[in-house]
N, C-alpha and C. Protein backbone atom coordinates (compact mmCIF):
# COMPACT_ATOMS: atom_id res chain seq x y z
N UNK A 1 70.19 97.56 88.85
CA UNK A 1 70.24 98.56 87.75
C UNK A 1 70.40 97.79 86.42
N UNK A 2 69.48 98.18 85.51
CA UNK A 2 69.56 97.53 84.28
C UNK A 2 70.73 97.96 83.42
N UNK A 3 71.33 97.10 82.57
CA UNK A 3 72.38 97.47 81.81
C UNK A 3 72.00 98.07 80.51
N UNK A 4 72.81 99.08 80.05
CA UNK A 4 72.56 99.70 78.78
C UNK A 4 72.82 98.68 77.61
N UNK A 5 72.37 99.06 76.41
CA UNK A 5 72.60 98.15 75.28
C UNK A 5 74.10 97.97 75.04
N UNK A 6 74.85 99.03 75.19
CA UNK A 6 76.25 99.00 74.97
C UNK A 6 76.92 98.13 75.98
N UNK A 7 76.49 98.16 77.23
CA UNK A 7 77.04 97.37 78.38
C UNK A 7 76.73 95.88 78.08
N UNK A 8 75.46 95.62 77.60
CA UNK A 8 75.01 94.24 77.30
C UNK A 8 75.90 93.69 76.23
N UNK A 9 76.17 94.49 75.18
CA UNK A 9 77.00 94.01 74.06
C UNK A 9 78.42 93.59 74.54
N UNK A 10 78.99 94.50 75.35
CA UNK A 10 80.33 94.21 75.90
C UNK A 10 80.42 92.94 76.77
N UNK A 11 79.36 92.81 77.66
CA UNK A 11 79.41 91.75 78.58
C UNK A 11 79.18 90.47 77.85
N UNK A 12 78.21 90.43 76.96
CA UNK A 12 77.87 89.16 76.23
C UNK A 12 78.98 88.71 75.22
N UNK A 13 79.59 89.82 74.67
CA UNK A 13 80.73 89.53 73.76
C UNK A 13 81.86 88.86 74.44
N UNK A 14 82.16 89.46 75.61
CA UNK A 14 83.36 88.85 76.35
C UNK A 14 83.03 87.45 76.81
N UNK A 15 81.69 87.25 77.26
CA UNK A 15 81.43 85.90 77.60
C UNK A 15 81.57 84.88 76.40
N UNK A 16 81.06 85.32 75.25
CA UNK A 16 81.18 84.49 74.04
C UNK A 16 82.66 84.27 73.63
N UNK A 17 83.49 85.30 73.68
CA UNK A 17 84.84 85.21 73.33
C UNK A 17 85.51 84.22 74.27
N UNK A 18 85.16 84.24 75.57
CA UNK A 18 85.76 83.25 76.51
C UNK A 18 85.32 81.89 76.28
N UNK A 19 84.05 81.72 75.83
CA UNK A 19 83.50 80.33 75.62
C UNK A 19 83.96 79.80 74.22
N UNK A 20 84.01 80.60 73.24
CA UNK A 20 84.25 80.08 71.83
C UNK A 20 85.51 80.53 71.16
N UNK A 21 85.99 81.71 71.71
CA UNK A 21 87.17 82.25 71.03
C UNK A 21 86.68 83.42 70.19
N UNK A 22 87.61 84.37 70.08
CA UNK A 22 87.26 85.64 69.29
C UNK A 22 86.90 85.33 67.91
N UNK A 23 87.73 84.59 67.18
CA UNK A 23 87.54 84.32 65.78
C UNK A 23 86.24 83.56 65.51
N UNK A 24 85.90 82.66 66.44
CA UNK A 24 84.71 81.80 66.20
C UNK A 24 83.42 82.47 66.63
N UNK A 25 83.45 83.73 67.17
CA UNK A 25 82.20 84.38 67.56
C UNK A 25 81.89 85.43 66.47
N UNK A 26 80.61 85.30 66.00
CA UNK A 26 80.20 86.27 64.92
C UNK A 26 79.46 87.50 65.52
N UNK A 27 79.42 88.50 64.79
CA UNK A 27 78.70 89.71 65.28
C UNK A 27 77.24 89.38 65.47
N UNK A 28 76.57 88.49 64.64
CA UNK A 28 75.26 88.25 64.74
C UNK A 28 75.02 87.43 66.13
N UNK A 29 75.94 86.61 66.46
CA UNK A 29 75.80 85.92 67.80
C UNK A 29 75.93 86.83 68.98
N UNK A 30 76.78 87.79 68.88
CA UNK A 30 76.79 88.80 69.89
C UNK A 30 75.51 89.57 69.99
N UNK A 31 75.02 89.95 68.87
CA UNK A 31 73.77 90.66 68.89
C UNK A 31 72.64 89.86 69.56
N UNK A 32 72.52 88.59 69.17
CA UNK A 32 71.48 87.74 69.65
C UNK A 32 71.61 87.68 71.28
N UNK A 33 72.83 87.46 71.71
CA UNK A 33 73.11 87.24 73.14
C UNK A 33 72.84 88.52 73.87
N UNK A 34 72.95 89.65 73.21
CA UNK A 34 72.66 91.01 73.84
C UNK A 34 71.25 91.36 73.78
N UNK A 35 70.41 90.56 73.19
CA UNK A 35 68.93 90.85 73.11
C UNK A 35 68.62 91.66 71.86
N UNK A 36 69.50 91.73 70.91
CA UNK A 36 69.29 92.46 69.61
C UNK A 36 68.86 91.47 68.53
N UNK A 37 68.32 91.95 67.47
CA UNK A 37 67.94 91.13 66.41
C UNK A 37 69.28 90.67 65.64
N UNK A 38 69.54 89.37 65.63
CA UNK A 38 70.83 88.96 65.00
C UNK A 38 70.91 89.27 63.55
N UNK A 39 72.02 89.83 63.11
CA UNK A 39 72.17 90.13 61.70
C UNK A 39 71.50 91.48 61.29
N UNK A 40 70.89 92.16 62.21
CA UNK A 40 70.19 93.41 61.81
C UNK A 40 71.09 94.65 61.93
N UNK A 41 72.30 94.46 62.42
CA UNK A 41 73.23 95.59 62.48
C UNK A 41 73.12 96.38 63.77
N UNK A 42 72.46 95.93 64.82
CA UNK A 42 72.34 96.72 65.98
C UNK A 42 73.63 96.97 66.67
N UNK A 43 74.58 96.02 66.62
CA UNK A 43 75.87 96.21 67.26
C UNK A 43 76.61 97.43 66.67
N UNK A 44 76.38 97.64 65.40
CA UNK A 44 77.08 98.78 64.74
C UNK A 44 76.59 100.13 65.07
N UNK A 45 75.45 100.21 65.79
CA UNK A 45 75.06 101.49 66.27
C UNK A 45 75.86 101.92 67.44
N UNK A 46 76.59 101.00 68.05
CA UNK A 46 77.38 101.33 69.20
C UNK A 46 78.98 101.12 69.01
N UNK A 47 79.22 100.25 68.08
CA UNK A 47 80.68 99.94 67.81
C UNK A 47 80.82 99.85 66.23
N UNK A 48 82.08 100.16 65.88
CA UNK A 48 82.42 100.06 64.48
C UNK A 48 82.68 98.66 63.98
N UNK A 49 83.11 97.82 64.93
CA UNK A 49 83.46 96.45 64.49
C UNK A 49 83.48 95.49 65.76
N UNK A 50 83.67 94.25 65.47
CA UNK A 50 83.88 93.27 66.58
C UNK A 50 85.10 93.57 67.32
N UNK A 51 86.13 93.92 66.74
CA UNK A 51 87.36 94.34 67.38
C UNK A 51 87.12 95.43 68.36
N UNK A 52 86.41 96.42 67.94
CA UNK A 52 86.13 97.57 68.83
C UNK A 52 85.35 97.17 70.12
N UNK A 53 84.48 96.14 69.99
CA UNK A 53 83.88 95.64 71.15
C UNK A 53 84.89 94.93 72.13
N UNK A 54 85.82 94.19 71.52
CA UNK A 54 86.88 93.56 72.32
C UNK A 54 87.69 94.59 72.99
N UNK A 55 88.07 95.62 72.26
CA UNK A 55 88.96 96.62 72.82
C UNK A 55 88.22 97.35 73.98
N UNK A 56 86.92 97.65 73.82
CA UNK A 56 86.12 98.31 74.80
C UNK A 56 86.08 97.47 76.10
N UNK A 57 85.97 96.19 75.82
CA UNK A 57 85.96 95.30 77.02
C UNK A 57 87.20 95.39 77.81
N UNK A 58 88.35 95.32 77.21
CA UNK A 58 89.64 95.37 77.82
C UNK A 58 89.80 96.73 78.57
N UNK A 59 89.51 97.87 77.93
CA UNK A 59 89.65 99.20 78.42
C UNK A 59 88.68 99.31 79.69
N UNK A 60 87.50 98.81 79.56
CA UNK A 60 86.50 99.04 80.64
C UNK A 60 86.88 98.18 81.87
N UNK A 61 87.37 96.97 81.67
CA UNK A 61 87.77 96.20 82.77
C UNK A 61 89.02 96.74 83.44
N UNK A 62 89.84 97.37 82.63
CA UNK A 62 91.07 98.04 83.25
C UNK A 62 90.69 99.23 84.05
N UNK A 63 89.74 100.01 83.55
CA UNK A 63 89.31 101.12 84.33
C UNK A 63 88.55 100.75 85.60
N UNK A 64 87.79 99.72 85.52
CA UNK A 64 87.09 99.17 86.65
C UNK A 64 88.02 98.68 87.76
N UNK A 65 89.09 98.06 87.27
CA UNK A 65 90.09 97.49 88.16
C UNK A 65 90.73 98.60 89.00
N UNK A 66 91.08 99.69 88.25
CA UNK A 66 91.82 100.77 88.93
C UNK A 66 90.86 101.31 90.10
N UNK A 67 89.50 101.48 89.74
CA UNK A 67 88.55 101.98 90.76
C UNK A 67 88.49 101.00 91.93
N UNK A 68 88.39 99.70 91.61
CA UNK A 68 88.23 98.69 92.65
C UNK A 68 89.48 98.59 93.56
N UNK A 69 90.62 98.79 93.02
CA UNK A 69 91.93 98.75 93.80
C UNK A 69 91.85 99.91 94.74
N UNK A 70 91.47 101.09 94.23
CA UNK A 70 91.50 102.30 95.06
C UNK A 70 90.50 102.07 96.23
N UNK A 71 89.37 101.53 95.93
CA UNK A 71 88.32 101.29 96.95
C UNK A 71 88.74 100.33 98.04
N UNK A 72 89.42 99.25 97.52
CA UNK A 72 89.92 98.22 98.45
C UNK A 72 91.01 98.77 99.36
N UNK A 73 91.89 99.46 98.80
CA UNK A 73 93.00 100.06 99.62
C UNK A 73 92.36 101.10 100.58
N UNK A 74 91.41 101.88 100.20
CA UNK A 74 90.79 102.82 101.14
C UNK A 74 90.03 102.10 102.22
N UNK A 75 89.39 100.92 101.91
CA UNK A 75 88.64 100.11 102.91
C UNK A 75 89.69 99.59 103.94
N UNK A 76 90.80 99.10 103.40
CA UNK A 76 91.86 98.58 104.33
C UNK A 76 92.45 99.61 105.20
N UNK A 77 92.63 100.81 104.64
CA UNK A 77 93.19 101.94 105.36
C UNK A 77 92.22 102.48 106.45
N UNK A 78 90.92 102.23 106.34
CA UNK A 78 89.98 102.78 107.21
C UNK A 78 89.56 101.69 108.25
N UNK A 79 90.06 100.48 108.22
CA UNK A 79 89.74 99.44 109.11
C UNK A 79 90.11 99.87 110.55
N UNK A 80 89.32 99.34 111.43
CA UNK A 80 89.56 99.61 112.87
C UNK A 80 91.05 99.37 113.28
N UNK A 81 91.63 100.32 113.88
CA UNK A 81 93.06 100.15 114.19
C UNK A 81 93.40 98.93 115.13
N UNK A 82 92.29 98.53 115.80
CA UNK A 82 92.49 97.43 116.70
C UNK A 82 92.43 96.09 115.99
N UNK A 83 92.11 96.12 114.64
CA UNK A 83 92.15 94.89 113.85
C UNK A 83 93.52 94.45 113.63
N UNK A 84 93.85 93.16 113.95
CA UNK A 84 95.21 92.71 113.91
C UNK A 84 95.81 92.63 112.46
N UNK A 85 97.08 92.59 112.28
CA UNK A 85 97.67 92.58 111.02
C UNK A 85 97.26 91.31 110.24
N UNK A 86 97.06 90.15 111.01
CA UNK A 86 96.66 88.93 110.36
C UNK A 86 95.30 89.15 109.67
N UNK A 87 94.34 89.77 110.33
CA UNK A 87 93.11 89.97 109.70
C UNK A 87 93.13 90.87 108.61
N UNK A 88 94.01 91.95 108.63
CA UNK A 88 94.14 92.92 107.50
C UNK A 88 94.82 92.10 106.27
N UNK A 89 95.82 91.32 106.54
CA UNK A 89 96.44 90.53 105.47
C UNK A 89 95.40 89.56 104.86
N UNK A 90 94.63 88.96 105.67
CA UNK A 90 93.62 87.96 105.19
C UNK A 90 92.61 88.69 104.23
N UNK A 91 92.24 89.90 104.63
CA UNK A 91 91.29 90.68 103.83
C UNK A 91 91.89 91.02 102.53
N UNK A 92 93.11 91.39 102.52
CA UNK A 92 93.86 91.77 101.22
C UNK A 92 93.96 90.56 100.36
N UNK A 93 94.28 89.36 100.90
CA UNK A 93 94.36 88.19 100.09
C UNK A 93 93.05 87.80 99.45
N UNK A 94 91.99 87.81 100.33
CA UNK A 94 90.66 87.49 99.78
C UNK A 94 90.20 88.46 98.75
N UNK A 95 90.47 89.69 98.88
CA UNK A 95 90.05 90.64 97.88
C UNK A 95 90.81 90.38 96.52
N UNK A 96 92.08 89.98 96.61
CA UNK A 96 92.76 89.63 95.41
C UNK A 96 92.26 88.36 94.76
N UNK A 97 91.89 87.40 95.52
CA UNK A 97 91.32 86.15 94.96
C UNK A 97 89.95 86.43 94.28
N UNK A 98 89.19 87.29 94.98
CA UNK A 98 87.85 87.69 94.43
C UNK A 98 87.99 88.37 93.05
N UNK A 99 89.00 89.31 93.00
CA UNK A 99 89.24 90.04 91.72
C UNK A 99 89.65 89.09 90.69
N UNK A 100 90.55 88.19 90.89
CA UNK A 100 91.07 87.32 89.85
C UNK A 100 89.84 86.43 89.37
N UNK A 101 89.11 85.97 90.35
CA UNK A 101 87.92 85.18 89.91
C UNK A 101 86.90 85.98 89.06
N UNK A 102 86.70 87.24 89.44
CA UNK A 102 85.82 88.14 88.65
C UNK A 102 86.31 88.33 87.21
N UNK A 103 87.58 88.22 87.03
CA UNK A 103 88.10 88.42 85.71
C UNK A 103 88.39 87.14 84.92
N UNK A 104 87.65 86.02 85.30
CA UNK A 104 87.91 84.76 84.75
C UNK A 104 87.69 84.70 83.13
N UNK A 105 86.60 85.42 82.71
CA UNK A 105 86.34 85.44 81.29
C UNK A 105 87.43 86.26 80.55
N UNK A 106 87.72 87.33 81.10
CA UNK A 106 88.86 88.16 80.44
C UNK A 106 90.10 87.37 80.37
N UNK A 107 90.45 86.65 81.52
CA UNK A 107 91.64 85.80 81.54
C UNK A 107 91.67 84.83 80.35
N UNK A 108 90.56 84.10 80.14
CA UNK A 108 90.56 83.13 79.16
C UNK A 108 90.74 83.77 77.70
N UNK A 109 90.16 84.93 77.57
CA UNK A 109 90.32 85.61 76.29
C UNK A 109 91.78 86.10 76.14
N UNK A 110 92.36 86.50 77.17
CA UNK A 110 93.74 87.01 77.33
C UNK A 110 94.68 85.97 76.75
N UNK A 111 94.61 84.82 77.30
CA UNK A 111 95.59 83.74 76.95
C UNK A 111 95.26 83.13 75.58
N UNK A 112 94.07 83.09 75.17
CA UNK A 112 93.70 82.42 73.87
C UNK A 112 93.82 83.35 72.70
N UNK A 113 93.37 84.57 72.87
CA UNK A 113 93.17 85.45 71.69
C UNK A 113 94.00 86.67 71.68
N UNK A 114 94.56 87.21 72.76
CA UNK A 114 95.06 88.59 72.68
C UNK A 114 96.47 88.70 72.17
N UNK A 115 97.17 87.57 71.94
CA UNK A 115 98.51 87.60 71.37
C UNK A 115 98.52 88.26 69.99
N UNK A 116 97.38 88.19 69.28
CA UNK A 116 97.26 88.84 68.00
C UNK A 116 97.01 90.38 68.05
N UNK A 117 96.79 90.86 69.30
CA UNK A 117 96.51 92.20 69.46
C UNK A 117 97.36 92.80 70.54
N UNK A 118 98.62 93.02 70.30
CA UNK A 118 99.66 93.46 71.26
C UNK A 118 99.21 94.78 71.97
N UNK A 119 98.49 95.64 71.25
CA UNK A 119 98.03 96.86 71.92
C UNK A 119 97.04 96.54 73.04
N UNK A 120 96.23 95.51 72.89
CA UNK A 120 95.31 95.14 73.97
C UNK A 120 96.03 94.41 75.09
N UNK A 121 97.04 93.61 74.78
CA UNK A 121 97.83 93.01 75.76
C UNK A 121 98.39 94.11 76.72
N UNK A 122 98.85 95.16 76.16
CA UNK A 122 99.42 96.34 76.96
C UNK A 122 98.37 96.88 77.76
N UNK A 123 97.04 97.04 77.27
CA UNK A 123 96.07 97.53 78.12
C UNK A 123 95.81 96.68 79.41
N UNK A 124 95.78 95.34 79.19
CA UNK A 124 95.57 94.46 80.24
C UNK A 124 96.72 94.46 81.28
N UNK A 125 97.93 94.44 80.69
CA UNK A 125 99.11 94.49 81.46
C UNK A 125 99.20 95.71 82.38
N UNK A 126 99.04 96.92 81.72
CA UNK A 126 99.26 98.17 82.48
C UNK A 126 98.00 98.60 83.17
N UNK A 127 96.85 98.15 82.78
CA UNK A 127 95.62 98.68 83.47
C UNK A 127 94.93 97.62 84.36
N UNK A 128 95.39 96.41 84.33
CA UNK A 128 94.78 95.40 85.21
C UNK A 128 95.81 94.52 86.02
N UNK A 129 96.76 93.96 85.32
CA UNK A 129 97.68 93.10 86.02
C UNK A 129 98.72 93.82 86.86
N UNK A 130 99.44 94.79 86.31
CA UNK A 130 100.47 95.48 87.08
C UNK A 130 99.79 96.29 88.28
N UNK A 131 98.72 96.92 88.07
CA UNK A 131 98.07 97.58 89.26
C UNK A 131 97.72 96.65 90.43
N UNK A 132 97.31 95.44 90.13
CA UNK A 132 97.03 94.48 91.14
C UNK A 132 98.34 94.17 92.00
N UNK A 133 99.45 93.96 91.24
CA UNK A 133 100.73 93.66 92.00
C UNK A 133 101.13 94.95 92.66
N UNK A 134 101.01 96.12 92.07
CA UNK A 134 101.43 97.29 92.76
C UNK A 134 100.61 97.51 94.02
N UNK A 135 99.37 97.08 94.04
CA UNK A 135 98.45 97.26 95.15
C UNK A 135 98.96 96.52 96.39
N UNK A 136 99.44 95.26 96.21
CA UNK A 136 100.04 94.53 97.24
C UNK A 136 101.31 95.25 97.76
N UNK A 137 102.10 95.72 96.87
CA UNK A 137 103.35 96.47 97.28
C UNK A 137 102.95 97.71 98.09
N UNK A 138 102.08 98.52 97.50
CA UNK A 138 101.75 99.85 98.19
C UNK A 138 101.14 99.61 99.56
N UNK A 139 100.28 98.64 99.74
CA UNK A 139 99.57 98.41 100.97
C UNK A 139 100.58 97.94 102.06
N UNK A 140 101.39 96.95 101.64
CA UNK A 140 102.31 96.37 102.61
C UNK A 140 103.33 97.38 103.09
N UNK A 141 103.83 98.21 102.22
CA UNK A 141 104.80 99.24 102.59
C UNK A 141 104.19 100.25 103.50
N UNK A 142 102.91 100.44 103.44
CA UNK A 142 102.27 101.49 104.31
C UNK A 142 101.83 100.99 105.68
N UNK A 143 102.03 99.69 105.96
CA UNK A 143 101.57 99.12 107.24
C UNK A 143 102.66 99.38 108.35
N UNK A 144 102.27 99.84 109.47
CA UNK A 144 103.30 100.13 110.59
C UNK A 144 104.03 98.91 110.94
N UNK A 145 103.51 97.69 110.84
CA UNK A 145 104.16 96.56 111.30
C UNK A 145 105.42 96.18 110.35
N UNK A 146 105.34 96.76 109.11
CA UNK A 146 106.43 96.56 108.19
C UNK A 146 107.37 97.81 108.06
N UNK A 147 107.14 98.75 108.88
CA UNK A 147 107.87 99.99 108.71
C UNK A 147 109.37 99.82 108.82
N UNK A 148 109.87 98.99 109.69
CA UNK A 148 111.35 98.77 109.86
C UNK A 148 111.92 97.67 108.88
N UNK A 149 111.09 97.09 108.12
CA UNK A 149 111.52 95.90 107.24
C UNK A 149 112.22 96.47 106.05
N UNK A 150 113.28 95.87 105.78
CA UNK A 150 114.15 96.26 104.63
C UNK A 150 114.06 95.18 103.51
N UNK A 151 113.02 95.39 102.64
CA UNK A 151 112.76 94.33 101.60
C UNK A 151 112.66 95.04 100.30
N UNK A 152 112.79 94.24 99.23
CA UNK A 152 112.52 94.62 97.87
C UNK A 152 111.01 94.44 97.70
N UNK A 153 110.25 95.57 97.94
CA UNK A 153 108.77 95.45 98.13
C UNK A 153 108.15 95.10 96.77
N UNK A 154 108.79 95.56 95.60
CA UNK A 154 108.16 95.22 94.31
C UNK A 154 108.25 93.69 94.14
N UNK A 155 109.40 93.14 94.48
CA UNK A 155 109.60 91.66 94.32
C UNK A 155 108.68 90.92 95.31
N UNK A 156 108.45 91.48 96.49
CA UNK A 156 107.54 90.82 97.50
C UNK A 156 106.05 90.83 96.90
N UNK A 157 105.75 91.96 96.36
CA UNK A 157 104.40 92.05 95.74
C UNK A 157 104.25 91.08 94.55
N UNK A 158 105.28 90.83 93.82
CA UNK A 158 105.33 89.85 92.71
C UNK A 158 105.11 88.47 93.30
N UNK A 159 105.77 88.12 94.34
CA UNK A 159 105.68 86.83 94.87
C UNK A 159 104.26 86.64 95.51
N UNK A 160 103.86 87.51 96.42
CA UNK A 160 102.54 87.34 97.08
C UNK A 160 101.44 87.53 96.10
N UNK A 161 101.54 88.50 95.25
CA UNK A 161 100.45 88.69 94.27
C UNK A 161 100.39 87.57 93.30
N UNK A 162 101.64 87.13 92.86
CA UNK A 162 101.68 85.95 91.95
C UNK A 162 100.99 84.70 92.50
N UNK A 163 101.17 84.54 93.79
CA UNK A 163 100.52 83.30 94.50
C UNK A 163 98.99 83.41 94.35
N UNK A 164 98.51 84.59 94.57
CA UNK A 164 97.04 84.75 94.52
C UNK A 164 96.49 84.56 93.07
N UNK A 165 97.17 85.11 92.12
CA UNK A 165 96.80 84.93 90.74
C UNK A 165 96.84 83.48 90.33
N UNK A 166 98.00 82.86 90.61
CA UNK A 166 98.21 81.45 90.23
C UNK A 166 97.13 80.51 90.90
N UNK A 167 96.81 80.85 92.15
CA UNK A 167 95.78 79.97 92.81
C UNK A 167 94.44 79.94 91.98
N UNK A 168 94.03 81.09 91.62
CA UNK A 168 92.74 81.15 90.90
C UNK A 168 92.85 80.61 89.50
N UNK A 169 93.99 80.97 88.79
CA UNK A 169 94.13 80.46 87.37
C UNK A 169 94.31 78.95 87.34
N UNK A 170 95.02 78.35 88.38
CA UNK A 170 95.09 76.95 88.47
C UNK A 170 93.68 76.31 88.64
N UNK A 171 92.96 76.89 89.60
CA UNK A 171 91.57 76.37 89.87
C UNK A 171 90.71 76.45 88.66
N UNK A 172 90.73 77.58 87.98
CA UNK A 172 89.92 77.68 86.79
C UNK A 172 90.30 76.75 85.65
N UNK A 173 91.58 76.45 85.50
CA UNK A 173 92.15 75.70 84.40
C UNK A 173 91.93 74.19 84.71
N UNK A 174 92.30 73.67 85.97
CA UNK A 174 92.34 72.36 86.30
C UNK A 174 90.98 71.86 86.92
N UNK A 175 90.31 72.77 87.47
CA UNK A 175 89.08 72.39 88.13
C UNK A 175 89.11 72.13 89.62
N UNK A 176 90.31 72.24 90.21
CA UNK A 176 90.43 72.05 91.66
C UNK A 176 91.63 72.99 92.10
N UNK A 177 91.69 73.31 93.32
CA UNK A 177 92.85 74.19 93.80
C UNK A 177 94.16 73.53 93.77
N UNK A 178 95.21 74.28 93.56
CA UNK A 178 96.53 73.70 93.63
C UNK A 178 96.83 73.06 94.90
N UNK A 179 97.43 71.84 94.87
CA UNK A 179 97.78 71.16 96.03
C UNK A 179 96.57 70.65 96.86
N UNK A 180 95.35 70.80 96.30
CA UNK A 180 94.12 70.38 96.94
C UNK A 180 93.87 71.26 98.16
N UNK A 181 94.50 72.41 98.25
CA UNK A 181 94.37 73.30 99.33
C UNK A 181 93.14 74.27 99.12
N UNK A 182 92.13 74.02 99.88
CA UNK A 182 90.92 74.89 99.71
C UNK A 182 91.21 76.33 100.15
N UNK A 183 90.30 77.26 99.77
CA UNK A 183 90.64 78.64 99.96
C UNK A 183 91.05 79.03 101.28
N UNK A 184 90.32 78.71 102.31
CA UNK A 184 90.70 79.11 103.67
C UNK A 184 92.13 78.70 104.07
N UNK A 185 92.51 77.51 103.71
CA UNK A 185 93.90 77.01 104.03
C UNK A 185 94.88 77.88 103.24
N UNK A 186 94.54 78.18 101.99
CA UNK A 186 95.47 78.98 101.23
C UNK A 186 95.62 80.32 101.85
N UNK A 187 94.56 80.96 102.18
CA UNK A 187 94.61 82.28 102.76
C UNK A 187 95.40 82.31 104.16
N UNK A 188 95.19 81.26 104.91
CA UNK A 188 95.92 81.16 106.21
C UNK A 188 97.38 81.01 105.96
N UNK A 189 97.77 80.21 104.97
CA UNK A 189 99.20 79.99 104.69
C UNK A 189 99.81 81.23 104.04
N UNK A 190 99.03 81.90 103.25
CA UNK A 190 99.57 83.16 102.58
C UNK A 190 99.83 84.25 103.67
N UNK A 191 98.86 84.31 104.67
CA UNK A 191 99.15 85.29 105.74
C UNK A 191 100.33 84.93 106.53
N UNK A 192 100.54 83.68 106.83
CA UNK A 192 101.80 83.27 107.58
C UNK A 192 102.98 83.63 106.79
N UNK A 193 103.05 83.46 105.48
CA UNK A 193 104.18 83.88 104.74
C UNK A 193 104.41 85.33 104.90
N UNK A 194 103.32 86.15 104.72
CA UNK A 194 103.42 87.59 104.78
C UNK A 194 103.96 88.02 106.15
N UNK A 195 103.47 87.34 107.23
CA UNK A 195 103.84 87.75 108.56
C UNK A 195 105.39 87.49 108.74
N UNK A 196 105.86 86.54 108.04
CA UNK A 196 107.30 86.23 108.14
C UNK A 196 108.24 87.28 107.59
N UNK A 197 107.61 88.30 106.89
CA UNK A 197 108.43 89.38 106.34
C UNK A 197 108.55 90.50 107.35
N UNK A 198 107.87 90.43 108.47
CA UNK A 198 107.95 91.53 109.43
C UNK A 198 109.30 91.38 110.13
N UNK A 199 109.82 92.59 110.61
CA UNK A 199 111.03 92.54 111.46
C UNK A 199 110.72 91.82 112.74
N UNK A 200 111.69 91.20 113.38
CA UNK A 200 111.58 90.40 114.53
C UNK A 200 110.82 91.12 115.70
N UNK A 201 111.09 92.35 116.00
CA UNK A 201 110.37 92.96 117.12
C UNK A 201 108.89 93.12 116.79
N UNK A 202 108.46 93.31 115.62
CA UNK A 202 107.08 93.39 115.20
C UNK A 202 106.43 92.05 115.44
N UNK A 203 107.13 91.04 114.98
CA UNK A 203 106.66 89.59 115.14
C UNK A 203 106.38 89.23 116.57
N UNK A 204 107.38 89.64 117.43
CA UNK A 204 107.25 89.32 118.86
C UNK A 204 106.12 90.11 119.48
N UNK A 205 105.79 91.31 118.94
CA UNK A 205 104.70 92.16 119.48
C UNK A 205 103.40 91.53 119.28
N UNK A 206 103.22 90.76 118.17
CA UNK A 206 101.87 90.23 117.91
C UNK A 206 101.82 88.74 118.30
N UNK A 207 102.98 88.16 118.73
CA UNK A 207 103.07 86.74 119.02
C UNK A 207 102.26 86.33 120.31
């Protein structure tokens, strides 16, 4: 499906902001990247300013994240009941890794430019970051294997979700995975840690 002009402006602006920085990117450069005549004012038919484009990108990514999280949790909840907890955990971990990778451009803009826009930091925090951590917590609490476990699930979500986020951020920043652990090894170890949170009878049942 072809993108609308508005969508092209948002997508290309975010890409340029990630590559060059918000301040170093001009409206004319965004217009050219979006297939508009640079300097002709085409961007202003859709947005009042460059800031409004940035804000729209943050809001739209947050909205998309909420939808994706709901879809992923629904997919996990409808998986074949015969699928083991290890496979379900691996699916959750891989979905988190894919989401963080998808947001690599937004992440670069977040760390480099958003400190000057605290209202947009709040959008990313409440619309994208916290929902990801909450999703880990919500899903694990709902699994029958963890029903008898007495844990601080919000803290567990912070630890497991934080590991997923850190893995991708480290890889994007340094150019290689932390500890030289490629993705499959990371997922396997992440699952092992999550399995360790189950009460002893549940662990024995799957052992």
